[in-house]
């Protein structure tokens, strides 16, 4: 297995900053990279706030808070990104991901590992565009990354088994529960979860129940979050994008056809919590 000491998290959005926090709290030397300096400033502010909350709840000590913050280096200069493991959490476009990985590969050691947090793009297709594709793997966290325990470790056709085992060990060190799966549309969770979202929107579209009623019923039956609240948390654009990718990759079966309701939300910019409005209002 590859020894992982330094992790570079690329992207300082919701998922990226969550992964950076998790990596730093697990004791890894952590770099957070984003081309936008304001995103890095926001990430530092929110990570600090999260750590403050954990101290207040006596879940971590003040010294652990200090060590985690001191363990993260924020940079907008790609040349600062020298690491054993890269975890990419940028825009869901294959070309952007392969472009970033190739740029990083050109300045790093040949055995550096490139993990993508993509929720829907084929890991095999991403690996195909990378020099030495055997070191590309999926490491799919769930939102919010500091809270959710599951990590899908996705093996592309080209991924070396030693890379898979290295990522499994990293996930365990982070306190996560890694599950290894082969590359397939939607992996495991997003493949199964499509029905949770799509059937809820079918009920809404048919006028059989309201957003609030459906969420209340599902939460009362044991789900931690109803489908509409969860879509708002994930982001309508991301959730709708995953639905489209899975639907198309499986031959466009009617049962998995993306919802026109969600399409309208995306087109109107009502993306959920991050825009202040989705199925619910957050303003």
C-alpha atoms as a PDB file:
ATOM      1  CA  UNK A   1       0.000   0.000   0.000  1.00  0.00           C
ATOM      2  CA  UNK A   2       1.056   3.592  -0.592  1.00  0.00           C
ATOM      3  CA  UNK A   3       1.950   5.549   2.543  1.00  0.00           C
ATOM      4  CA  UNK A   4      -0.296   8.605   2.761  1.00  0.00           C
ATOM      5  CA  UNK A   5       0.965  11.509   4.838  1.00  0.00           C
ATOM      6  CA  UNK A   6      -0.179  14.556   2.869  1.00  0.00           C
ATOM      7  CA  UNK A   7      -3.639  15.004   1.350  1.00  0.00           C
ATOM      8  CA  UNK A   8      -4.565  17.804  -1.035  1.00  0.00           C
ATOM      9  CA  UNK A   9      -8.278  18.517  -1.313  1.00  0.00           C
ATOM     10  CA  UNK A  10      -9.104  20.331  -4.538  1.00  0.00           C
ATOM     11  CA  UNK A  11     -12.190  22.527  -4.344  1.00  0.00           C
ATOM     12  CA  UNK A  12     -13.338  24.635  -1.390  1.00  0.00           C
ATOM     13  CA  UNK A  13     -17.082  24.289  -1.798  1.00  0.00           C
ATOM     14  CA  UNK A  14     -19.342  22.538   0.704  1.00  0.00           C
ATOM     15  CA  UNK A  15     -17.942  19.071   0.046  1.00  0.00           C
ATOM     16  CA  UNK A  16     -14.331  20.152  -0.377  1.00  0.00           C
ATOM     17  CA  UNK A  17     -14.139  22.039   2.889  1.00  0.00           C
ATOM     18  CA  UNK A  18     -15.880  19.166   4.686  1.00  0.00           C
ATOM     19  CA  UNK A  19     -13.323  16.667   3.368  1.00  0.00           C
ATOM     20  CA  UNK A  20     -10.453  19.010   4.261  1.00  0.00           C
ATOM     21  CA  UNK A  21     -11.767  19.268   7.812  1.00  0.00           C
ATOM     22  CA  UNK A  22     -12.049  15.482   8.077  1.00  0.00           C
ATOM     23  CA  UNK A  23      -8.519  14.972   6.717  1.00  0.00           C
ATOM     24  CA  UNK A  24      -6.980  17.502   9.098  1.00  0.00           C
ATOM     25  CA  UNK A  25      -8.846  16.136  12.114  1.00  0.00           C
ATOM     26  CA  UNK A  26      -7.532  12.662  11.234  1.00  0.00           C
ATOM     27  CA  UNK A  27      -3.972  13.976  11.477  1.00  0.00           C
ATOM     28  CA  UNK A  28      -3.062  14.215   7.799  1.00  0.00           C
ATOM     29  CA  UNK A  29      -1.047  17.199   6.608  1.00  0.00           C
ATOM     30  CA  UNK A  30      -3.783  18.849   4.556  1.00  0.00           C
ATOM     31  CA  UNK A  31      -3.708  21.271   1.654  1.00  0.00           C
ATOM     32  CA  UNK A  32      -6.897  22.893   0.426  1.00  0.00           C
ATOM     33  CA  UNK A  33      -6.679  24.221  -3.101  1.00  0.00           C
ATOM     34  CA  UNK A  34      -9.135  26.405  -4.968  1.00  0.00           C
ATOM     35  CA  UNK A  35      -8.539  28.888  -7.775  1.00  0.00           C
ATOM     36  CA  UNK A  36     -10.809  31.378  -5.991  1.00  0.00           C
ATOM     37  CA  UNK A  37      -9.219  33.016  -2.954  1.00  0.00           C
ATOM     38  CA  UNK A  38     -12.612  34.084  -1.572  1.00  0.00           C
ATOM     39  CA  UNK A  39     -13.704  30.435  -1.491  1.00  0.00           C
ATOM     40  CA  UNK A  40     -10.636  29.588   0.580  1.00  0.00           C
ATOM     41  CA  UNK A  41     -11.415  32.432   3.003  1.00  0.00           C
ATOM     42  CA  UNK A  42     -14.966  31.138   3.348  1.00  0.00           C
ATOM     43  CA  UNK A  43     -13.683  27.613   3.883  1.00  0.00           C
ATOM     44  CA  UNK A  44     -11.371  28.713   6.708  1.00  0.00           C
ATOM     45  CA  UNK A  45     -14.207  30.628   8.363  1.00  0.00           C
ATOM     46  CA  UNK A  46     -16.664  27.740   8.202  1.00  0.00           C
ATOM     47  CA  UNK A  47     -14.166  25.053   9.219  1.00  0.00           C
ATOM     48  CA  UNK A  48     -13.225  27.199  12.224  1.00  0.00           C
ATOM     49  CA  UNK A  49     -16.904  27.595  13.083  1.00  0.00           C
ATOM     50  CA  UNK A  50     -17.458  23.834  12.848  1.00  0.00           C
ATOM     51  CA  UNK A  51     -14.463  23.135  15.091  1.00  0.00           C
ATOM     52  CA  UNK A  52     -15.663  25.768  17.584  1.00  0.00           C
ATOM     53  CA  UNK A  53     -19.011  23.967  17.715  1.00  0.00           C
ATOM     54  CA  UNK A  54     -17.315  20.611  18.327  1.00  0.00           C
ATOM     55  CA  UNK A  55     -15.326  22.110  21.215  1.00  0.00           C
ATOM     56  CA  UNK A  56     -18.498  23.654  22.629  1.00  0.00           C
ATOM     57  CA  UNK A  57     -20.200  20.246  22.522  1.00  0.00           C
ATOM     58  CA  UNK A  58     -17.101  18.677  24.146  1.00  0.00           C
ATOM     59  CA  UNK A  59     -16.655  16.362  21.160  1.00  0.00           C
ATOM     60  CA  UNK A  60     -13.055  17.521  20.664  1.00  0.00           C
ATOM     61  CA  UNK A  61     -10.562  19.325  22.896  1.00  0.00           C
ATOM     62  CA  UNK A  62      -9.156  22.789  22.408  1.00  0.00           C
ATOM     63  CA  UNK A  63      -5.806  21.231  21.501  1.00  0.00           C
ATOM     64  CA  UNK A  64      -7.464  19.076  18.821  1.00  0.00           C
ATOM     65  CA  UNK A  65      -9.156  22.218  17.463  1.00  0.00           C
ATOM     66  CA  UNK A  66      -5.780  23.973  17.278  1.00  0.00           C
ATOM     67  CA  UNK A  67      -4.041  20.987  15.677  1.00  0.00           C
ATOM     68  CA  UNK A  68      -6.736  20.582  13.013  1.00  0.00           C
ATOM     69  CA  UNK A  69      -6.610  24.246  11.977  1.00  0.00           C
ATOM     70  CA  UNK A  70      -2.819  24.311  11.968  1.00  0.00           C
ATOM     71  CA  UNK A  71      -2.870  21.140   9.880  1.00  0.00           C
ATOM     72  CA  UNK A  72      -4.573  22.822   6.902  1.00  0.00           C
ATOM     73  CA  UNK A  73      -2.746  25.022   4.410  1.00  0.00           C
ATOM     74  CA  UNK A  74      -4.941  27.039   2.065  1.00  0.00           C
ATOM     75  CA  UNK A  75      -3.675  27.944  -1.393  1.00  0.00           C
ATOM     76  CA  UNK A  76      -4.850  29.185  -4.769  1.00  0.00           C
ATOM     77  CA  UNK A  77      -1.490  28.338  -6.385  1.00  0.00           C
ATOM     78  CA  UNK A  78      -1.539  24.916  -8.030  1.00  0.00           C
ATOM     79  CA  UNK A  79       2.251  24.685  -7.703  1.00  0.00           C
ATOM     80  CA  UNK A  80       1.787  24.438  -3.920  1.00  0.00           C
ATOM     81  CA  UNK A  81      -0.175  21.217  -4.418  1.00  0.00           C
ATOM     82  CA  UNK A  82       2.411  18.540  -3.704  1.00  0.00           C
ATOM     83  CA  UNK A  83       0.831  15.542  -1.970  1.00  0.00           C
ATOM     84  CA  UNK A  84       0.588  11.778  -1.671  1.00  0.00           C
ATOM     85  CA  UNK A  85      -3.170  11.797  -2.247  1.00  0.00           C
ATOM     86  CA  UNK A  86      -5.371  14.220  -4.122  1.00  0.00           C
ATOM     87  CA  UNK A  87      -9.113  14.267  -3.462  1.00  0.00           C
ATOM     88  CA  UNK A  88     -10.957  16.232  -6.111  1.00  0.00           C
ATOM     89  CA  UNK A  89     -14.279  17.892  -5.252  1.00  0.00           C
ATOM     90  CA  UNK A  90     -14.688  20.386  -8.082  1.00  0.00           C
ATOM     91  CA  UNK A  91     -17.372  20.930 -10.736  1.00  0.00           C
ATOM     92  CA  UNK A  92     -19.108  17.792 -12.052  1.00  0.00           C
ATOM     93  CA  UNK A  93     -17.555  17.899 -15.523  1.00  0.00           C
ATOM     94  CA  UNK A  94     -15.259  15.119 -16.679  1.00  0.00           C
ATOM     95  CA  UNK A  95     -13.021  17.447 -18.705  1.00  0.00           C
ATOM     96  CA  UNK A  96     -12.443  19.698 -15.682  1.00  0.00           C
ATOM     97  CA  UNK A  97     -11.507  16.743 -13.496  1.00  0.00           C
ATOM     98  CA  UNK A  98      -9.124  15.148 -15.981  1.00  0.00           C
ATOM     99  CA  UNK A  99      -7.581  18.534 -16.745  1.00  0.00           C
ATOM    100  CA  UNK A 100      -6.897  19.161 -13.058  1.00  0.00           C
ATOM    101  CA  UNK A 101      -5.498  15.681 -12.454  1.00  0.00           C
ATOM    102  CA  UNK A 102      -3.156  15.923 -15.433  1.00  0.00           C
ATOM    103  CA  UNK A 103      -1.956  19.331 -14.270  1.00  0.00           C
ATOM    104  CA  UNK A 104      -1.252  17.939 -10.813  1.00  0.00           C
ATOM    105  CA  UNK A 105       0.384  14.803 -12.213  1.00  0.00           C
ATOM    106  CA  UNK A 106       2.893  16.943 -14.085  1.00  0.00           C
ATOM    107  CA  UNK A 107       4.285  18.397 -10.839  1.00  0.00           C
ATOM    108  CA  UNK A 108       3.958  15.392  -8.507  1.00  0.00           C
ATOM    109  CA  UNK A 109       5.575  12.008  -7.979  1.00  0.00           C
ATOM    110  CA  UNK A 110       4.572   9.153 -10.253  1.00  0.00           C
ATOM    111  CA  UNK A 111       2.984   7.257  -7.350  1.00  0.00           C
ATOM    112  CA  UNK A 112       0.658  10.060  -6.198  1.00  0.00           C
ATOM    113  CA  UNK A 113      -2.959   8.879  -5.981  1.00  0.00           C
ATOM    114  CA  UNK A 114      -5.821  10.733  -7.651  1.00  0.00           C
ATOM    115  CA  UNK A 115      -9.205  10.221  -6.011  1.00  0.00           C
ATOM    116  CA  UNK A 116     -12.371  11.800  -7.332  1.00  0.00           C
ATOM    117  CA  UNK A 117     -15.363  12.576  -5.154  1.00  0.00           C
ATOM    118  CA  UNK A 118     -17.676  12.516  -8.174  1.00  0.00           C
ATOM    119  CA  UNK A 119     -21.136  11.218  -7.407  1.00  0.00           C
ATOM    120  CA  UNK A 120     -22.009  10.164 -10.934  1.00  0.00           C
ATOM    121  CA  UNK A 121     -19.265  10.434 -13.567  1.00  0.00           C
ATOM    122  CA  UNK A 122     -17.619   7.160 -14.598  1.00  0.00           C
ATOM    123  CA  UNK A 123     -14.321   6.675 -12.770  1.00  0.00           C
ATOM    124  CA  UNK A 124     -13.134   4.527 -15.662  1.00  0.00           C
ATOM    125  CA  UNK A 125     -13.729   7.391 -18.111  1.00  0.00           C
ATOM    126  CA  UNK A 126     -11.862   9.829 -15.870  1.00  0.00           C
ATOM    127  CA  UNK A 127      -8.960   7.374 -15.502  1.00  0.00           C
ATOM    128  CA  UNK A 128      -8.757   6.904 -19.278  1.00  0.00           C
ATOM    129  CA  UNK A 129      -7.742  10.553 -19.660  1.00  0.00           C
ATOM    130  CA  UNK A 130      -4.998  10.400 -16.998  1.00  0.00           C
ATOM    131  CA  UNK A 131      -1.357   9.399 -17.374  1.00  0.00           C
ATOM    132  CA  UNK A 132      -0.851   6.165 -15.421  1.00  0.00           C
ATOM    133  CA  UNK A 133      -4.609   5.502 -14.970  1.00  0.00           C
ATOM    134  CA  UNK A 134      -3.993   2.706 -12.447  1.00  0.00           C
ATOM    135  CA  UNK A 135      -3.622   5.360  -9.719  1.00  0.00           C
ATOM    136  CA  UNK A 136      -7.109   6.851 -10.261  1.00  0.00           C
ATOM    137  CA  UNK A 137      -9.903   5.818  -7.886  1.00  0.00           C
ATOM    138  CA  UNK A 138     -13.271   7.026  -6.660  1.00  0.00           C
ATOM    139  CA  UNK A 139     -13.565   8.262  -3.073  1.00  0.00           C
ATOM    140  CA  UNK A 140     -17.179   9.323  -2.749  1.00  0.00           C
ATOM    141  CA  UNK A 141     -18.035  11.122   0.500  1.00  0.00           C
ATOM    142  CA  UNK A 142     -21.555  12.104   1.473  1.00  0.00           C
ATOM    143  CA  UNK A 143     -22.811  15.485   2.616  1.00  0.00           C
ATOM    144  CA  UNK A 144     -22.039  16.719   5.246  1.00  0.00           C
ATOM    145  CA  UNK A 145     -18.640  15.006   5.021  1.00  0.00           C
ATOM    146  CA  UNK A 146     -17.649  15.567   8.677  1.00  0.00           C
ATOM    147  CA  UNK A 147     -20.837  13.803   9.834  1.00  0.00           C
ATOM    148  CA  UNK A 148     -21.667  11.093   7.303  1.00  0.00           C
ATOM    149  CA  UNK A 149     -19.715   7.888   7.951  1.00  0.00           C
ATOM    150  CA  UNK A 150     -20.018   6.141   4.601  1.00  0.00           C
ATOM    151  CA  UNK A 151     -17.390   6.487   1.873  1.00  0.00           C
ATOM    152  CA  UNK A 152     -17.790   4.622  -1.409  1.00  0.00           C
ATOM    153  CA  UNK A 153     -14.383   3.496  -2.694  1.00  0.00           C
ATOM    154  CA  UNK A 154     -14.958   3.027  -6.409  1.00  0.00           C
ATOM    155  CA  UNK A 155     -12.620   0.863  -8.443  1.00  0.00           C
ATOM    156  CA  UNK A 156     -12.247   1.783 -12.112  1.00  0.00           C
ATOM    157  CA  UNK A 157     -11.341  -0.865 -14.664  1.00  0.00           C
ATOM    158  CA  UNK A 158      -7.746   0.384 -14.520  1.00  0.00           C
ATOM    159  CA  UNK A 159      -7.365   0.933 -10.753  1.00  0.00           C
ATOM    160  CA  UNK A 160      -4.585  -1.058  -9.100  1.00  0.00           C
ATOM    161  CA  UNK A 161      -5.734  -3.104  -6.112  1.00  0.00           C
ATOM    162  CA  UNK A 162      -3.030  -1.575  -3.901  1.00  0.00           C
ATOM    163  CA  UNK A 163      -4.535   1.864  -4.567  1.00  0.00           C
ATOM    164  CA  UNK A 164      -7.951   0.629  -3.474  1.00  0.00           C
ATOM    165  CA  UNK A 165      -6.519  -0.721  -0.235  1.00  0.00           C
ATOM    166  CA  UNK A 166      -4.653   2.537   0.415  1.00  0.00           C
ATOM    167  CA  UNK A 167      -7.880   4.518   0.088  1.00  0.00           C
ATOM    168  CA  UNK A 168      -9.737   2.062   2.319  1.00  0.00           C
ATOM    169  CA  UNK A 169      -7.079   2.613   4.990  1.00  0.00           C
ATOM    170  CA  UNK A 170      -7.237   6.407   4.612  1.00  0.00           C
ATOM    171  CA  UNK A 171     -11.024   6.305   5.018  1.00  0.00           C
ATOM    172  CA  UNK A 172     -10.715   4.198   8.161  1.00  0.00           C
ATOM    173  CA  UNK A 173      -8.115   6.587   9.595  1.00  0.00           C
ATOM    174  CA  UNK A 174     -10.636   9.375   8.975  1.00  0.00           C
ATOM    175  CA  UNK A 175     -13.161   7.439  11.056  1.00  0.00           C
ATOM    176  CA  UNK A 176     -15.247   6.541   8.020  1.00  0.00           C
ATOM    177  CA  UNK A 177     -16.840   3.277   6.921  1.00  0.00           C
ATOM    178  CA  UNK A 178     -15.432   2.454   3.467  1.00  0.00           C
ATOM    179  CA  UNK A 179     -17.369   0.246   1.072  1.00  0.00           C
ATOM    180  CA  UNK A 180     -15.578  -0.956  -2.068  1.00  0.00           C
ATOM    181  CA  UNK A 181     -17.573  -1.194  -5.285  1.00  0.00           C
ATOM    182  CA  UNK A 182     -16.884  -1.469  -8.987  1.00  0.00           C
ATOM    183  CA  UNK A 183     -17.440   1.483 -11.274  1.00  0.00           C
ATOM    184  CA  UNK A 184     -21.064   1.549 -12.428  1.00  0.00           C
ATOM    185  CA  UNK A 185     -23.683   4.267 -13.075  1.00  0.00           C
ATOM    186  CA  UNK A 186     -24.517   5.874  -9.726  1.00  0.00           C
ATOM    187  CA  UNK A 187     -22.217   3.449  -7.878  1.00  0.00           C
ATOM    188  CA  UNK A 188     -24.317   1.970  -5.026  1.00  0.00           C
ATOM    189  CA  UNK A 189     -25.980   4.751  -3.039  1.00  0.00           C
ATOM    190  CA  UNK A 190     -26.954   7.062  -5.898  1.00  0.00           C
ATOM    191  CA  UNK A 191     -28.250   4.133  -7.936  1.00  0.00           C
ATOM    192  CA  UNK A 192     -30.530   2.959  -5.144  1.00  0.00           C
ATOM    193  CA  UNK A 193     -31.454   6.474  -3.997  1.00  0.00           C
ATOM    194  CA  UNK A 194     -32.830   7.585  -7.375  1.00  0.00           C
ATOM    195  CA  UNK A 195     -36.208   6.099  -6.480  1.00  0.00           C
ATOM    196  CA  UNK A 196     -36.283   7.924  -3.150  1.00  0.00           C
ATOM    197  CA  UNK A 197     -36.177  11.256  -4.982  1.00  0.00           C
ATOM    198  CA  UNK A 198     -38.011  10.386  -8.197  1.00  0.00           C
ATOM    199  CA  UNK A 199     -40.994   8.654  -6.597  1.00  0.00           C
ATOM    200  CA  UNK A 200     -41.389  11.537  -4.148  1.00  0.00           C
ATOM    201  CA  UNK A 201     -41.521  14.000  -7.041  1.00  0.00           C
ATOM    202  CA  UNK A 202     -43.995  11.790  -8.903  1.00  0.00           C
ATOM    203  CA  UNK A 203     -46.302  11.940  -5.867  1.00  0.00           C
ATOM    204  CA  UNK A 204     -45.938  15.707  -5.794  1.00  0.00           C
ATOM    205  CA  UNK A 205     -46.535  16.066  -9.535  1.00  0.00           C
ATOM    206  CA  UNK A 206     -49.688  13.940  -9.320  1.00  0.00           C
ATOM    207  CA  UNK A 207     -51.012  16.141  -6.514  1.00  0.00           C
ATOM    208  CA  UNK A 208     -51.213  13.206  -4.113  1.00  0.00           C
ATOM    209  CA  UNK A 209     -49.279  14.865  -1.285  1.00  0.00           C
ATOM    210  CA  UNK A 210     -47.385  18.045  -0.441  1.00  0.00           C
ATOM    211  CA  UNK A 211     -43.620  18.430  -0.058  1.00  0.00           C
ATOM    212  CA  UNK A 212     -44.018  18.795   3.696  1.00  0.00           C
ATOM    213  CA  UNK A 213     -46.274  15.745   4.023  1.00  0.00           C
ATOM    214  CA  UNK A 214     -43.961  13.473   2.044  1.00  0.00           C
ATOM    215  CA  UNK A 215     -40.922  14.571   4.050  1.00  0.00           C
ATOM    216  CA  UNK A 216     -42.760  14.157   7.350  1.00  0.00           C
ATOM    217  CA  UNK A 217     -43.950  10.666   6.466  1.00  0.00           C
ATOM    218  CA  UNK A 218     -40.505   9.505   5.341  1.00  0.00           C
ATOM    219  CA  UNK A 219     -38.802  10.958   8.407  1.00  0.00           C
ATOM    220  CA  UNK A 220     -41.436   9.391  10.671  1.00  0.00           C
ATOM    221  CA  UNK A 221     -40.783   6.025   9.045  1.00  0.00           C
ATOM    222  CA  UNK A 222     -37.097   6.143   9.970  1.00  0.00           C
ATOM    223  CA  UNK A 223     -35.301   8.212   7.333  1.00  0.00           C
ATOM    224  CA  UNK A 224     -33.153  10.952   8.880  1.00  0.00           C
ATOM    225  CA  UNK A 225     -34.160  13.414   6.176  1.00  0.00           C
ATOM    226  CA  UNK A 226     -37.089  13.515   3.771  1.00  0.00           C
ATOM    227  CA  UNK A 227     -36.369  13.454   0.021  1.00  0.00           C
ATOM    228  CA  UNK A 228     -37.150  17.135  -0.578  1.00  0.00           C
ATOM    229  CA  UNK A 229     -35.054  18.371   2.347  1.00  0.00           C
ATOM    230  CA  UNK A 230     -32.258  16.108   1.170  1.00  0.00           C
ATOM    231  CA  UNK A 231     -32.403  17.416  -2.410  1.00  0.00           C
ATOM    232  CA  UNK A 232     -32.229  20.968  -1.059  1.00  0.00           C
ATOM    233  CA  UNK A 233     -29.178  20.038   1.023  1.00  0.00           C
ATOM    234  CA  UNK A 234     -27.358  18.267  -1.819  1.00  0.00           C
ATOM    235  CA  UNK A 235     -28.171  20.967  -4.348  1.00  0.00           C
ATOM    236  CA  UNK A 236     -30.820  20.698  -7.037  1.00  0.00           C
ATOM    237  CA  UNK A 237     -28.282  21.028  -9.841  1.00  0.00           C
ATOM    238  CA  UNK A 238     -26.107  18.229  -8.484  1.00  0.00           C
ATOM    239  CA  UNK A 239     -29.016  15.894  -7.723  1.00  0.00           C
ATOM    240  CA  UNK A 240     -30.676  16.506 -11.091  1.00  0.00           C
ATOM    241  CA  UNK A 241     -27.336  16.041 -12.845  1.00  0.00           C
ATOM    242  CA  UNK A 242     -26.827  12.655 -11.175  1.00  0.00           C
ATOM    243  CA  UNK A 243     -30.348  11.580 -12.178  1.00  0.00           C
ATOM    244  CA  UNK A 244     -29.615  12.440 -15.803  1.00  0.00           C
ATOM    245  CA  UNK A 245     -26.265  10.636 -15.861  1.00  0.00           C
ATOM    246  CA  UNK A 246     -27.674   7.459 -14.288  1.00  0.00           C
ATOM    247  CA  UNK A 247     -30.756   7.523 -16.553  1.00  0.00           C
ATOM    248  CA  UNK A 248     -28.703   7.946 -19.717  1.00  0.00           C
ATOM    249  CA  UNK A 249     -26.032   5.424 -18.702  1.00  0.00           C
ATOM    250  CA  UNK A 250     -28.668   2.739 -18.117  1.00  0.00           C
ATOM    251  CA  UNK A 251     -30.389   3.273 -21.470  1.00  0.00           C
ATOM    252  CA  UNK A 252     -33.045   5.818 -20.394  1.00  0.00           C
ATOM    253  CA  UNK A 253     -35.501   3.507 -18.605  1.00  0.00           C
ATOM    254  CA  UNK A 254     -38.853   5.174 -17.905  1.00  0.00           C
ATOM    255  CA  UNK A 255     -38.645   4.296 -14.201  1.00  0.00           C
ATOM    256  CA  UNK A 256     -35.533   6.483 -13.820  1.00  0.00           C
ATOM    257  CA  UNK A 257     -36.569   9.404 -16.028  1.00  0.00           C
ATOM    258  CA  UNK A 258     -35.549  12.695 -14.362  1.00  0.00           C
ATOM    259  CA  UNK A 259     -38.368  14.839 -12.978  1.00  0.00           C
ATOM    260  CA  UNK A 260     -39.650  17.865 -14.893  1.00  0.00           C
ATOM    261  CA  UNK A 261     -40.320  19.517 -11.520  1.00  0.00           C
ATOM    262  CA  UNK A 262     -36.659  19.322 -10.615  1.00  0.00           C
ATOM    263  CA  UNK A 263     -35.635  20.471 -14.086  1.00  0.00           C
ATOM    264  CA  UNK A 264     -37.741  23.610 -13.599  1.00  0.00           C
ATOM    265  CA  UNK A 265     -36.094  24.247 -10.231  1.00  0.00           C
ATOM    266  CA  UNK A 266     -32.650  24.044 -11.794  1.00  0.00           C
ATOM    267  CA  UNK A 267     -33.591  26.302 -14.717  1.00  0.00           C
ATOM    268  CA  UNK A 268     -35.044  28.912 -12.358  1.00  0.00           C
ATOM    269  CA  UNK A 269     -31.960  28.869 -10.126  1.00  0.00           C
ATOM    270  CA  UNK A 270     -33.809  27.456  -7.119  1.00  0.00           C
ATOM    271  CA  UNK A 271     -31.024  25.051  -6.159  1.00  0.00           C
ATOM    272  CA  UNK A 272     -31.768  24.577  -2.475  1.00  0.00           C
ATOM    273  CA  UNK A 273     -29.920  25.776   0.606  1.00  0.00           C
ATOM    274  CA  UNK A 274     -27.016  27.259  -1.324  1.00  0.00           C
ATOM    275  CA  UNK A 275     -29.279  29.696  -3.186  1.00  0.00           C
ATOM    276  CA  UNK A 276     -31.749  30.288  -0.353  1.00  0.00           C
ATOM    277  CA  UNK A 277     -34.622  28.499  -2.069  1.00  0.00           C
ATOM    278  CA  UNK A 278     -35.396  25.066  -3.398  1.00  0.00           C
ATOM    279  CA  UNK A 279     -38.419  23.045  -2.376  1.00  0.00           C
ATOM    280  CA  UNK A 280     -38.220  25.057   0.857  1.00  0.00           C
ATOM    281  CA  UNK A 281     -37.248  28.682   1.489  1.00  0.00           C
ATOM    282  CA  UNK A 282     -34.104  29.399   3.551  1.00  0.00           C
ATOM    283  CA  UNK A 283     -34.190  33.204   3.459  1.00  0.00           C
END
